[in-house]
């Protein structure tokens, strides 16, 4: 069974690959058209961690928790009962057309903010050399992600 999940950003977000372009120290992940996306691996990791915490609250043995998590999400050697795909911005085709017409940077600028961040010392004074520029995805944007549930008995 295939489901479409929508993810709405309730605050500015940074899904980074830990790289920048020289002007921006940490950049949000985008494709060749400048359209932001959230890698399925990131979402899967967050869901795995949350599911583990829920199972730990039930006081299950650690090997039982690991078994259930691996059954649901899979391992490096075995697929799980849930298959996740990258989450792409809603209206992807529209953004792609805009990108082809106006360029990649126009889409990046439309959907993001550049923030400056610094590190402070114990006295509240900015440390030398610690100014960072971050490109964050604007709050309110909606991403769509396809999920395949491989077991019809999974509750939806």
N, C-alpha and C. Protein backbone atom coordinates (compact mmCIF):
# COMPACT_ATOMS: atom_id res chain seq x y z
N UNK A 1 0.84 -1.16 0.00
CA UNK A 1 0.00 0.00 0.00
C UNK A 1 0.90 1.24 0.00
N UNK A 2 0.60 2.18 -0.89
CA UNK A 2 1.39 3.41 -1.00
C UNK A 2 0.62 4.57 -0.38
N UNK A 3 1.31 5.35 0.40
CA UNK A 3 0.73 6.52 1.06
C UNK A 3 1.54 7.76 0.68
N UNK A 4 0.87 8.90 0.62
CA UNK A 4 1.54 10.18 0.43
C UNK A 4 1.45 10.94 1.73
N UNK A 5 2.60 11.30 2.27
CA UNK A 5 2.67 12.02 3.54
C UNK A 5 3.12 13.44 3.25
N UNK A 6 2.46 14.40 3.90
CA UNK A 6 2.86 15.80 3.76
C UNK A 6 3.52 16.24 5.06
N UNK A 7 4.62 16.97 4.91
CA UNK A 7 5.39 17.49 6.04
C UNK A 7 5.42 19.00 5.91
N UNK A 8 4.81 19.69 6.86
CA UNK A 8 4.80 21.16 6.84
C UNK A 8 5.82 21.66 7.86
N UNK A 9 6.71 22.54 7.42
CA UNK A 9 7.70 23.11 8.32
C UNK A 9 7.04 24.15 9.20
N UNK A 10 7.08 23.93 10.50
CA UNK A 10 6.50 24.87 11.45
C UNK A 10 7.50 25.91 11.91
N UNK A 11 8.74 25.74 11.52
CA UNK A 11 9.78 26.73 11.78
C UNK A 11 10.80 26.63 10.65
N UNK A 12 11.69 27.59 10.58
CA UNK A 12 12.76 27.50 9.60
C UNK A 12 13.56 26.23 9.87
N UNK A 13 14.05 25.60 8.82
CA UNK A 13 14.74 24.31 8.99
C UNK A 13 16.03 24.27 8.17
N UNK A 14 16.96 23.49 8.66
CA UNK A 14 18.23 23.28 7.96
C UNK A 14 18.46 21.77 7.85
N UNK A 15 18.33 21.25 6.65
CA UNK A 15 18.65 19.85 6.36
C UNK A 15 19.93 19.92 5.54
N UNK A 16 21.06 19.79 6.22
CA UNK A 16 22.34 20.08 5.60
C UNK A 16 23.12 18.82 5.29
N UNK A 17 23.98 18.95 4.27
CA UNK A 17 24.94 17.89 3.98
C UNK A 17 26.31 18.32 4.48
N UNK A 18 26.33 19.32 5.40
CA UNK A 18 27.55 19.82 6.04
C UNK A 18 28.51 20.48 5.07
N UNK A 19 27.96 21.04 4.01
CA UNK A 19 28.84 21.74 3.07
C UNK A 19 28.25 23.10 2.74
N UNK A 20 29.08 23.93 2.20
CA UNK A 20 28.65 25.24 1.75
C UNK A 20 29.36 25.56 0.44
N UNK A 21 29.15 26.79 -0.03
CA UNK A 21 29.73 27.16 -1.31
C UNK A 21 30.82 28.22 -1.19
N UNK A 22 31.32 28.45 0.00
CA UNK A 22 32.32 29.48 0.21
C UNK A 22 31.71 30.72 0.83
N UNK A 23 30.52 31.11 0.37
CA UNK A 23 29.81 32.24 0.97
C UNK A 23 28.91 31.78 2.11
N UNK A 24 28.39 30.56 1.98
CA UNK A 24 27.50 29.99 2.98
C UNK A 24 28.21 28.80 3.61
N UNK A 25 28.29 28.82 4.95
CA UNK A 25 29.01 27.75 5.65
C UNK A 25 28.21 26.45 5.71
N UNK A 26 26.92 26.56 6.01
CA UNK A 26 26.04 25.39 6.04
C UNK A 26 24.84 25.66 5.15
N UNK A 27 24.67 24.82 4.15
CA UNK A 27 23.60 25.03 3.18
C UNK A 27 22.59 23.89 3.28
N UNK A 28 21.33 24.21 3.05
CA UNK A 28 20.29 23.19 3.01
C UNK A 28 20.41 22.40 1.71
N UNK A 29 20.03 21.16 1.74
CA UNK A 29 20.16 20.27 0.59
C UNK A 29 19.14 20.65 -0.48
N UNK A 30 19.63 20.81 -1.70
CA UNK A 30 18.76 21.11 -2.84
C UNK A 30 19.24 20.32 -4.05
N UNK A 31 18.35 20.21 -5.03
CA UNK A 31 18.72 19.49 -6.25
C UNK A 31 19.29 20.45 -7.30
N UNK A 32 19.47 19.97 -8.50
CA UNK A 32 20.09 20.78 -9.56
C UNK A 32 19.25 21.97 -9.98
N UNK A 33 17.95 21.97 -9.60
CA UNK A 33 17.06 23.08 -9.93
C UNK A 33 16.95 24.10 -8.79
N UNK A 34 17.65 23.83 -7.68
CA UNK A 34 17.55 24.72 -6.52
C UNK A 34 16.34 24.41 -5.67
N UNK A 35 15.74 23.25 -5.86
CA UNK A 35 14.55 22.85 -5.11
C UNK A 35 14.99 22.04 -3.90
N UNK A 36 14.60 22.49 -2.72
CA UNK A 36 14.97 21.80 -1.50
C UNK A 36 14.26 20.46 -1.38
N UNK A 37 14.93 19.52 -0.72
CA UNK A 37 14.31 18.22 -0.41
C UNK A 37 14.90 17.70 0.89
N UNK A 38 14.20 16.73 1.46
CA UNK A 38 14.67 16.08 2.68
C UNK A 38 14.98 14.63 2.32
N UNK A 39 16.23 14.22 2.46
CA UNK A 39 16.59 12.84 2.10
C UNK A 39 15.83 11.82 2.96
N UNK A 40 15.39 10.76 2.33
CA UNK A 40 14.65 9.72 3.05
C UNK A 40 15.47 9.14 4.19
N UNK A 41 16.77 9.09 4.02
CA UNK A 41 17.65 8.54 5.06
C UNK A 41 17.54 9.36 6.35
N UNK A 42 17.41 10.69 6.23
CA UNK A 42 17.26 11.56 7.40
C UNK A 42 15.93 11.29 8.11
N UNK A 43 14.88 11.18 7.31
CA UNK A 43 13.54 10.95 7.87
C UNK A 43 13.50 9.58 8.53
N UNK A 44 14.05 8.59 7.86
CA UNK A 44 14.06 7.23 8.39
C UNK A 44 14.82 7.17 9.71
N UNK A 45 15.95 7.86 9.79
CA UNK A 45 16.73 7.89 11.03
C UNK A 45 15.95 8.52 12.17
N UNK A 46 15.25 9.61 11.88
CA UNK A 46 14.45 10.28 12.91
C UNK A 46 13.30 9.38 13.36
N UNK A 47 12.65 8.70 12.42
CA UNK A 47 11.54 7.80 12.77
C UNK A 47 12.05 6.60 13.57
N UNK A 48 13.21 6.06 13.18
CA UNK A 48 13.81 4.94 13.93
C UNK A 48 14.07 5.33 15.37
N UNK A 49 14.66 6.52 15.55
CA UNK A 49 14.99 6.99 16.89
C UNK A 49 13.73 7.19 17.73
N UNK A 50 12.70 7.78 17.14
CA UNK A 50 11.45 7.99 17.86
C UNK A 50 10.78 6.67 18.21
N UNK A 51 10.77 5.74 17.27
CA UNK A 51 10.17 4.43 17.54
C UNK A 51 10.92 3.71 18.64
N UNK A 52 12.24 3.81 18.65
CA UNK A 52 13.05 3.20 19.70
C UNK A 52 12.69 3.79 21.06
N UNK A 53 12.55 5.11 21.14
CA UNK A 53 12.18 5.75 22.41
C UNK A 53 10.81 5.28 22.90
N UNK A 54 9.86 5.15 21.98
CA UNK A 54 8.52 4.69 22.35
C UNK A 54 8.58 3.27 22.90
N UNK A 55 9.34 2.40 22.24
CA UNK A 55 9.46 1.01 22.70
C UNK A 55 10.20 0.93 24.03
N UNK A 56 11.18 1.81 24.23
CA UNK A 56 11.89 1.83 25.51
C UNK A 56 10.96 2.23 26.65
N UNK A 57 10.00 3.10 26.39
CA UNK A 57 9.02 3.51 27.40
C UNK A 57 8.13 2.34 27.82
N UNK A 58 8.04 1.33 26.97
CA UNK A 58 7.23 0.15 27.28
C UNK A 58 8.04 -0.90 28.05
N UNK A 59 9.27 -0.53 28.41
CA UNK A 59 10.16 -1.40 29.20
C UNK A 59 10.41 -2.75 28.54
N UNK A 60 10.56 -2.75 27.22
CA UNK A 60 10.89 -3.98 26.51
C UNK A 60 12.39 -4.23 26.61
N UNK A 61 12.77 -5.49 26.49
CA UNK A 61 14.19 -5.84 26.49
C UNK A 61 14.85 -5.24 25.25
N UNK A 62 16.12 -4.87 25.38
CA UNK A 62 16.81 -4.20 24.28
C UNK A 62 16.86 -5.05 23.02
N UNK A 63 16.99 -6.38 23.14
CA UNK A 63 17.02 -7.22 21.95
C UNK A 63 15.64 -7.27 21.27
N UNK A 64 14.56 -7.16 22.05
CA UNK A 64 13.21 -7.13 21.48
C UNK A 64 12.98 -5.80 20.77
N UNK A 65 13.46 -4.72 21.35
CA UNK A 65 13.35 -3.40 20.71
C UNK A 65 14.08 -3.43 19.38
N UNK A 66 15.30 -3.92 19.39
CA UNK A 66 16.09 -3.97 18.16
C UNK A 66 15.41 -4.84 17.11
N UNK A 67 14.83 -5.96 17.51
CA UNK A 67 14.15 -6.86 16.57
C UNK A 67 12.96 -6.15 15.92
N UNK A 68 12.15 -5.47 16.74
CA UNK A 68 10.98 -4.79 16.21
C UNK A 68 11.36 -3.63 15.28
N UNK A 69 12.36 -2.87 15.68
CA UNK A 69 12.82 -1.74 14.86
C UNK A 69 13.37 -2.25 13.53
N UNK A 70 14.17 -3.30 13.57
CA UNK A 70 14.75 -3.86 12.34
C UNK A 70 13.67 -4.47 11.44
N UNK A 71 12.64 -5.06 12.02
CA UNK A 71 11.53 -5.60 11.22
C UNK A 71 10.81 -4.48 10.49
N UNK A 72 10.59 -3.38 11.20
CA UNK A 72 9.85 -2.26 10.62
C UNK A 72 10.68 -1.48 9.61
N UNK A 73 11.91 -1.11 9.98
CA UNK A 73 12.73 -0.22 9.14
C UNK A 73 13.81 -0.92 8.34
N UNK A 74 14.10 -2.18 8.65
CA UNK A 74 15.11 -2.92 7.92
C UNK A 74 16.51 -2.71 8.46
N UNK A 75 17.45 -3.41 7.86
CA UNK A 75 18.86 -3.31 8.21
C UNK A 75 19.63 -3.15 6.90
N UNK A 76 20.95 -3.11 7.00
CA UNK A 76 21.78 -3.00 5.80
C UNK A 76 21.59 -4.22 4.89
N UNK A 77 21.23 -5.37 5.48
CA UNK A 77 21.10 -6.61 4.70
C UNK A 77 19.66 -6.96 4.35
N UNK A 78 18.69 -6.44 5.11
CA UNK A 78 17.29 -6.81 4.90
C UNK A 78 16.40 -5.58 4.82
N UNK A 79 15.44 -5.62 3.89
CA UNK A 79 14.46 -4.54 3.80
C UNK A 79 13.47 -4.66 4.95
N UNK A 80 12.95 -3.52 5.36
CA UNK A 80 11.92 -3.49 6.39
C UNK A 80 10.54 -3.48 5.78
N UNK A 81 9.54 -3.35 6.64
CA UNK A 81 8.15 -3.33 6.21
C UNK A 81 7.72 -1.96 5.68
N UNK A 82 8.57 -0.95 5.88
CA UNK A 82 8.28 0.41 5.42
C UNK A 82 9.40 0.86 4.48
N UNK A 83 9.01 1.36 3.32
CA UNK A 83 9.98 1.94 2.38
C UNK A 83 9.67 3.43 2.25
N UNK A 84 10.68 4.27 2.50
CA UNK A 84 10.52 5.72 2.45
C UNK A 84 11.25 6.29 1.24
N UNK A 85 10.72 7.38 0.72
CA UNK A 85 11.33 8.08 -0.42
C UNK A 85 11.65 9.51 0.01
N UNK A 86 12.54 10.16 -0.72
CA UNK A 86 12.88 11.55 -0.42
C UNK A 86 11.61 12.40 -0.40
N UNK A 87 11.60 13.39 0.50
CA UNK A 87 10.48 14.34 0.58
C UNK A 87 10.83 15.55 -0.28
N UNK A 88 9.99 15.84 -1.28
CA UNK A 88 10.23 16.96 -2.19
C UNK A 88 9.20 18.05 -1.93
N UNK A 89 9.59 19.27 -2.23
CA UNK A 89 8.67 20.39 -2.07
C UNK A 89 7.39 20.15 -2.85
N UNK A 90 6.28 20.47 -2.22
CA UNK A 90 4.99 20.45 -2.89
C UNK A 90 5.09 21.37 -4.11
N UNK A 91 4.38 21.05 -5.17
CA UNK A 91 4.42 21.81 -6.42
C UNK A 91 5.80 21.76 -7.08
N UNK A 92 6.41 20.61 -7.02
CA UNK A 92 7.76 20.42 -7.57
C UNK A 92 7.85 20.85 -9.04
N UNK A 93 6.87 20.42 -9.86
CA UNK A 93 6.93 20.72 -11.28
C UNK A 93 6.88 22.23 -11.54
N UNK A 94 6.10 22.95 -10.75
CA UNK A 94 6.03 24.40 -10.87
C UNK A 94 7.38 25.03 -10.56
N UNK A 95 8.02 24.60 -9.46
CA UNK A 95 9.34 25.13 -9.11
C UNK A 95 10.38 24.79 -10.16
N UNK A 96 10.27 23.61 -10.74
CA UNK A 96 11.22 23.21 -11.79
C UNK A 96 11.09 24.13 -13.00
N UNK A 97 9.85 24.44 -13.40
CA UNK A 97 9.63 25.36 -14.53
C UNK A 97 10.20 26.74 -14.22
N UNK A 98 9.96 27.23 -13.00
CA UNK A 98 10.51 28.52 -12.60
C UNK A 98 12.04 28.51 -12.65
N UNK A 99 12.62 27.42 -12.20
CA UNK A 99 14.08 27.30 -12.19
C UNK A 99 14.64 27.34 -13.60
N UNK A 100 13.98 26.63 -14.51
CA UNK A 100 14.45 26.62 -15.91
C UNK A 100 14.31 28.00 -16.54
N UNK A 101 13.29 28.75 -16.12
CA UNK A 101 13.06 30.09 -16.67
C UNK A 101 13.95 31.16 -16.03
N UNK A 102 14.08 31.12 -14.70
CA UNK A 102 14.75 32.20 -13.98
C UNK A 102 16.08 31.80 -13.33
N UNK A 103 16.39 30.53 -13.32
CA UNK A 103 17.66 30.07 -12.77
C UNK A 103 17.54 29.46 -11.38
N UNK A 104 18.49 28.62 -11.09
CA UNK A 104 18.55 27.88 -9.82
C UNK A 104 18.54 28.80 -8.61
N UNK A 105 19.32 29.87 -8.64
CA UNK A 105 19.43 30.76 -7.48
C UNK A 105 18.11 31.46 -7.15
N UNK A 106 17.29 31.71 -8.17
CA UNK A 106 16.00 32.35 -7.89
C UNK A 106 15.11 31.45 -7.04
N UNK A 107 15.18 30.15 -7.26
CA UNK A 107 14.37 29.21 -6.47
C UNK A 107 14.95 29.09 -5.06
N UNK A 108 16.27 29.01 -4.97
CA UNK A 108 16.91 28.97 -3.64
C UNK A 108 16.51 30.19 -2.82
N UNK A 109 16.60 31.37 -3.42
CA UNK A 109 16.29 32.61 -2.70
C UNK A 109 14.81 32.73 -2.35
N UNK A 110 13.95 32.20 -3.21
CA UNK A 110 12.51 32.26 -2.98
C UNK A 110 12.10 31.48 -1.73
N UNK A 111 12.75 30.35 -1.50
CA UNK A 111 12.32 29.42 -0.45
C UNK A 111 13.24 29.37 0.76
N UNK A 112 14.18 30.30 0.87
CA UNK A 112 15.12 30.21 1.98
C UNK A 112 15.46 31.59 2.55
N UNK A 113 16.12 31.55 3.68
CA UNK A 113 16.67 32.74 4.34
C UNK A 113 18.13 32.48 4.63
N UNK A 114 18.94 33.53 4.61
CA UNK A 114 20.33 33.42 5.02
C UNK A 114 20.43 34.00 6.42
N UNK A 115 20.89 33.19 7.36
CA UNK A 115 21.03 33.62 8.75
C UNK A 115 22.50 33.66 9.12
N UNK A 116 22.85 34.60 9.98
CA UNK A 116 24.20 34.68 10.52
C UNK A 116 24.17 34.14 11.95
N UNK A 117 25.18 33.40 12.31
CA UNK A 117 25.26 32.81 13.64
C UNK A 117 26.69 32.97 14.13
N UNK A 118 26.84 33.26 15.40
CA UNK A 118 28.18 33.37 15.96
C UNK A 118 28.23 32.64 17.29
N UNK A 119 29.42 32.39 17.75
CA UNK A 119 29.64 31.75 19.04
C UNK A 119 30.08 32.83 20.02
N UNK A 120 29.55 32.76 21.24
CA UNK A 120 29.88 33.75 22.26
C UNK A 120 30.78 33.14 23.32
N UNK A 121 31.67 34.00 23.88
CA UNK A 121 32.50 33.54 24.98
C UNK A 121 31.71 33.63 26.29
N UNK A 122 32.35 33.32 27.40
CA UNK A 122 31.67 33.31 28.70
C UNK A 122 31.13 34.68 29.11
N UNK A 123 31.67 35.74 28.50
CA UNK A 123 31.22 37.10 28.81
C UNK A 123 30.14 37.59 27.86
N UNK A 124 29.71 36.74 26.95
CA UNK A 124 28.68 37.14 26.00
C UNK A 124 29.20 37.94 24.82
N UNK A 125 30.50 37.90 24.59
CA UNK A 125 31.13 38.62 23.49
C UNK A 125 31.41 37.64 22.35
N UNK A 126 31.17 38.07 21.12
CA UNK A 126 31.40 37.21 19.96
C UNK A 126 32.86 36.79 19.87
N UNK A 127 33.09 35.51 19.68
CA UNK A 127 34.45 35.00 19.51
C UNK A 127 34.94 35.33 18.10
N UNK A 128 36.21 35.68 17.98
CA UNK A 128 36.80 35.97 16.67
C UNK A 128 36.78 34.72 15.79
N UNK A 129 36.38 34.89 14.54
CA UNK A 129 36.42 33.79 13.59
C UNK A 129 35.28 32.80 13.69
N UNK A 130 34.25 33.10 14.47
CA UNK A 130 33.17 32.15 14.65
C UNK A 130 31.87 32.55 13.98
N UNK A 131 31.90 33.53 13.10
CA UNK A 131 30.70 33.93 12.37
C UNK A 131 30.42 32.89 11.29
N UNK A 132 29.20 32.40 11.25
CA UNK A 132 28.78 31.40 10.28
C UNK A 132 27.54 31.89 9.54
N UNK A 133 27.44 31.58 8.27
CA UNK A 133 26.25 31.87 7.48
C UNK A 133 25.56 30.55 7.17
N UNK A 134 24.24 30.54 7.41
CA UNK A 134 23.44 29.35 7.19
C UNK A 134 22.30 29.66 6.23
N UNK A 135 22.03 28.75 5.30
CA UNK A 135 20.83 28.88 4.46
C UNK A 135 19.78 27.92 5.03
N UNK A 136 18.68 28.51 5.54
CA UNK A 136 17.61 27.71 6.11
C UNK A 136 16.40 27.76 5.18
N UNK A 137 15.62 26.69 5.20
CA UNK A 137 14.39 26.61 4.42
C UNK A 137 13.30 27.32 5.21
N UNK A 138 12.53 28.16 4.53
CA UNK A 138 11.50 28.96 5.20
C UNK A 138 10.40 28.10 5.82
N UNK A 139 9.95 28.55 6.98
CA UNK A 139 8.83 27.87 7.63
C UNK A 139 7.59 28.03 6.76
N UNK A 140 6.67 27.08 6.91
CA UNK A 140 5.42 27.12 6.16
C UNK A 140 5.45 26.31 4.88
N UNK A 141 6.64 26.01 4.38
CA UNK A 141 6.72 25.21 3.15
C UNK A 141 6.28 23.77 3.44
N UNK A 142 5.71 23.13 2.42
CA UNK A 142 5.20 21.78 2.57
C UNK A 142 5.98 20.84 1.66
N UNK A 143 6.39 19.72 2.22
CA UNK A 143 7.08 18.67 1.48
C UNK A 143 6.15 17.47 1.35
N UNK A 144 6.31 16.72 0.28
CA UNK A 144 5.53 15.49 0.07
C UNK A 144 6.49 14.31 -0.03
N UNK A 145 6.08 13.22 0.62
CA UNK A 145 6.93 12.03 0.64
C UNK A 145 6.07 10.79 0.42
N UNK A 146 6.53 9.93 -0.44
CA UNK A 146 5.84 8.66 -0.68
C UNK A 146 6.38 7.62 0.29
N UNK A 147 5.47 6.87 0.88
CA UNK A 147 5.81 5.76 1.78
C UNK A 147 5.10 4.52 1.26
N UNK A 148 5.83 3.42 1.21
CA UNK A 148 5.23 2.14 0.84
C UNK A 148 5.19 1.27 2.09
N UNK A 149 3.98 0.84 2.45
CA UNK A 149 3.79 -0.10 3.56
C UNK A 149 3.68 -1.48 2.94
N UNK A 150 4.66 -2.32 3.22
CA UNK A 150 4.74 -3.63 2.56
C UNK A 150 3.88 -4.69 3.22
N UNK A 151 3.29 -4.38 4.36
CA UNK A 151 2.42 -5.31 5.08
C UNK A 151 1.07 -4.65 5.23
N UNK A 152 0.04 -5.25 4.65
CA UNK A 152 -1.31 -4.68 4.70
C UNK A 152 -1.86 -4.60 6.13
N UNK A 153 -1.24 -5.33 7.06
CA UNK A 153 -1.72 -5.31 8.43
C UNK A 153 -1.20 -4.11 9.24
N UNK A 154 -0.27 -3.34 8.67
CA UNK A 154 0.23 -2.15 9.35
C UNK A 154 -0.90 -1.13 9.44
N UNK A 155 -1.10 -0.57 10.61
CA UNK A 155 -2.15 0.42 10.80
C UNK A 155 -1.72 1.71 10.12
N UNK A 156 -2.67 2.40 9.51
CA UNK A 156 -2.36 3.65 8.82
C UNK A 156 -3.01 4.83 9.52
